[in-house]
């Protein structure tokens, strides 16, 4: 997943979805009515963030990830939300299951106050610093407690 995020192509697709999708296509098309190449770009982006939302629901990633992706997720949902809502109507399920995780993730990200974002990032930085420091202290303690290596007797080959 992280390799995708580092690619130029991913960022190009993100830019298309967040900056051009609503300007160039009618949400009444839903997702399934979009041209194949457009739908492919949209699916690549929305399911990337949907997967992160699912990992968050499973407590595999925490709110720090939401803080890091906050602006991006909100922009993605703002662009694709009207298409998703129409697609739900077209599917006729009456439920909000299609990309529901992404919708909730974007809503939570939107509602996260900036001071919370700053607090999470600062706490995270402090925790990372403390973990590194603790690891160094443990290694030093282990070296002090380790018995000295045996010295071979002189003349031994």
Protein backbone atom coordinates (compact mmCIF):
# COMPACT_ATOMS: atom_id res chain seq x y z
CA UNK A 1 0.00 0.00 0.00
CA UNK A 2 2.74 2.44 0.85
CA UNK A 3 4.49 1.78 -2.46
CA UNK A 4 1.34 2.95 -4.25
CA UNK A 5 1.33 6.17 -2.25
CA UNK A 6 4.91 6.92 -3.30
CA UNK A 7 4.23 6.57 -7.03
CA UNK A 8 3.80 9.52 -9.36
CA UNK A 9 0.91 7.71 -11.02
CA UNK A 10 -0.97 7.49 -7.73
CA UNK A 11 -0.62 11.23 -7.17
CA UNK A 12 -1.68 11.94 -10.75
CA UNK A 13 -4.83 9.85 -10.22
CA UNK A 14 -5.47 11.58 -6.88
CA UNK A 15 -5.15 14.97 -8.54
CA UNK A 16 -7.55 13.93 -11.32
CA UNK A 17 -10.13 12.66 -8.83
CA UNK A 18 -9.97 15.64 -6.50
CA UNK A 19 -9.60 18.40 -9.07
CA UNK A 20 -11.21 17.31 -12.33
CA UNK A 21 -13.77 14.56 -11.71
CA UNK A 22 -16.67 16.79 -10.63
CA UNK A 23 -15.80 19.44 -13.21
CA UNK A 24 -15.75 17.02 -16.14
CA UNK A 25 -18.37 14.37 -15.26
CA UNK A 26 -21.94 14.41 -14.02
CA UNK A 27 -22.50 12.62 -10.69
CA UNK A 28 -25.80 11.34 -12.13
CA UNK A 29 -23.63 8.78 -13.94
CA UNK A 30 -22.79 7.15 -10.64
CA UNK A 31 -19.55 5.20 -10.64
CA UNK A 32 -20.61 2.54 -13.11
CA UNK A 33 -21.56 5.13 -15.73
CA UNK A 34 -18.11 6.69 -15.86
CA UNK A 35 -15.86 5.86 -18.83
CA UNK A 36 -13.57 2.90 -18.13
CA UNK A 37 -10.35 4.91 -17.87
CA UNK A 38 -11.97 7.41 -15.50
CA UNK A 39 -13.60 4.68 -13.41
CA UNK A 40 -10.23 2.92 -13.14
CA UNK A 41 -8.60 6.07 -11.75
CA UNK A 42 -11.46 6.66 -9.33
CA UNK A 43 -11.45 3.06 -8.08
CA UNK A 44 -7.68 3.11 -7.57
CA UNK A 45 -7.96 6.15 -5.33
CA UNK A 46 -11.18 5.39 -3.43
CA UNK A 47 -10.29 1.79 -2.66
CA UNK A 48 -6.82 2.81 -1.49
CA UNK A 49 -8.39 5.05 1.14
CA UNK A 50 -11.22 2.56 1.76
CA UNK A 51 -8.57 -0.03 2.67
CA UNK A 52 -7.00 2.37 5.16
CA UNK A 53 -10.47 3.01 6.60
CA UNK A 54 -10.98 -0.74 7.04
CA UNK A 55 -7.59 -1.05 8.75
CA UNK A 56 -8.66 1.74 11.08
CA UNK A 57 -11.93 -0.03 11.88
CA UNK A 58 -9.92 -3.16 12.70
CA UNK A 59 -7.64 -1.10 15.00
CA UNK A 60 -4.63 -1.93 12.84
CA UNK A 61 -3.99 1.76 12.19
CA UNK A 62 -4.83 4.50 14.65
CA UNK A 63 -5.97 8.09 14.62
CA UNK A 64 -2.44 9.19 13.82
CA UNK A 65 -3.00 7.80 10.32
CA UNK A 66 -6.25 9.76 10.08
CA UNK A 67 -4.37 12.89 11.12
CA UNK A 68 -1.75 12.29 8.44
CA UNK A 69 -4.31 11.67 5.69
CA UNK A 70 -7.00 14.04 6.93
CA UNK A 71 -7.00 16.59 4.11
CA UNK A 72 -6.60 13.97 1.39
CA UNK A 73 -9.46 11.77 2.59
CA UNK A 74 -11.81 14.73 2.93
CA UNK A 75 -10.97 15.91 -0.59
CA UNK A 76 -11.44 12.43 -2.06
CA UNK A 77 -14.86 12.01 -0.46
CA UNK A 78 -15.93 15.52 -1.49
CA UNK A 79 -15.12 14.62 -5.09
CA UNK A 80 -16.49 11.07 -5.24
CA UNK A 81 -19.30 11.28 -2.68
CA UNK A 82 -21.95 12.46 -5.16
CA UNK A 83 -21.00 9.63 -7.55
CA UNK A 84 -21.10 7.06 -4.74
CA UNK A 85 -24.49 8.27 -3.49
CA UNK A 86 -25.89 7.98 -7.01
CA UNK A 87 -24.34 4.53 -7.42
CA UNK A 88 -26.05 3.40 -4.22
CA UNK A 89 -29.36 4.52 -5.76
CA UNK A 90 -28.58 2.70 -9.02
CA UNK A 91 -27.72 -0.48 -7.11
CA UNK A 92 -31.11 -0.31 -5.46
CA UNK A 93 -29.91 -1.79 -2.21
CA UNK A 94 -31.32 1.05 -0.16
CA UNK A 95 -28.32 0.70 2.13
CA UNK A 96 -25.19 2.73 2.52
CA UNK A 97 -22.74 -0.12 2.09
CA UNK A 98 -20.80 0.94 -0.99
CA UNK A 99 -17.65 2.71 0.25
CA UNK A 100 -19.21 3.27 3.65
CA UNK A 101 -15.85 2.94 5.37
CA UNK A 102 -14.42 5.73 3.23
CA UNK A 103 -17.45 7.92 3.89
CA UNK A 104 -17.15 7.46 7.66
CA UNK A 105 -13.37 7.93 7.57
CA UNK A 106 -13.81 11.22 5.69
CA UNK A 107 -16.53 12.35 8.10
CA UNK A 108 -14.36 11.57 11.13
CA UNK A 109 -11.38 13.28 9.50
CA UNK A 110 -13.47 16.35 8.69
CA UNK A 111 -14.71 16.54 12.28
CA UNK A 112 -11.23 16.16 13.78
CA UNK A 113 -10.27 19.57 15.19
CA UNK A 114 -6.90 20.98 14.17
CA UNK A 115 -5.71 21.00 17.78
CA UNK A 116 -6.38 17.24 17.91
CA UNK A 117 -4.34 16.75 14.75
CA UNK A 118 -1.50 18.78 16.25
CA UNK A 119 -1.72 16.93 19.58
CA UNK A 120 -1.68 13.52 17.88
CA UNK A 121 1.31 14.45 15.77
CA UNK A 122 3.22 15.89 18.72
CA UNK A 123 2.41 12.89 20.93
CA UNK A 124 3.46 10.56 18.18
CA UNK A 125 6.76 12.38 17.72
CA UNK A 126 7.41 12.22 21.47
CA UNK A 127 6.54 8.52 21.57
CA UNK A 128 8.87 7.75 18.67
CA UNK A 129 11.68 9.67 20.39
CA UNK A 130 11.05 7.87 23.68
CA UNK A 131 10.96 4.44 21.99
CA UNK A 132 14.32 5.10 20.32
CA UNK A 133 15.83 6.35 23.57
CA UNK A 134 14.46 3.36 25.50
CA UNK A 135 15.88 0.96 22.89
CA UNK A 136 19.33 2.56 23.21
CA UNK A 137 19.18 2.34 27.02
CA UNK A 138 18.17 -1.33 26.86
CA UNK A 139 21.04 -2.16 24.51
CA UNK A 140 23.51 -0.39 26.81
CA UNK A 141 22.14 -2.21 29.85
CA UNK A 142 22.34 -5.53 28.05
CA UNK A 143 25.96 -4.87 27.10
CA UNK A 144 26.84 -4.03 30.71
CA UNK A 145 25.23 -7.24 31.97
CA UNK A 146 26.67 -9.52 29.32
CA UNK A 147 29.52 -11.68 30.58
CA UNK A 148 32.85 -10.83 29.03
CA UNK A 149 33.84 -12.92 26.06
CA UNK A 150 36.24 -15.71 27.00
CA UNK A 151 39.86 -14.98 26.17
CA UNK A 152 41.58 -17.91 24.50
CA UNK A 153 44.64 -19.22 26.35
CA UNK A 154 47.92 -17.97 25.00
CA UNK A 155 49.51 -20.24 22.50
CA UNK A 156 46.19 -21.80 21.48
CA UNK A 157 45.54 -21.91 17.79
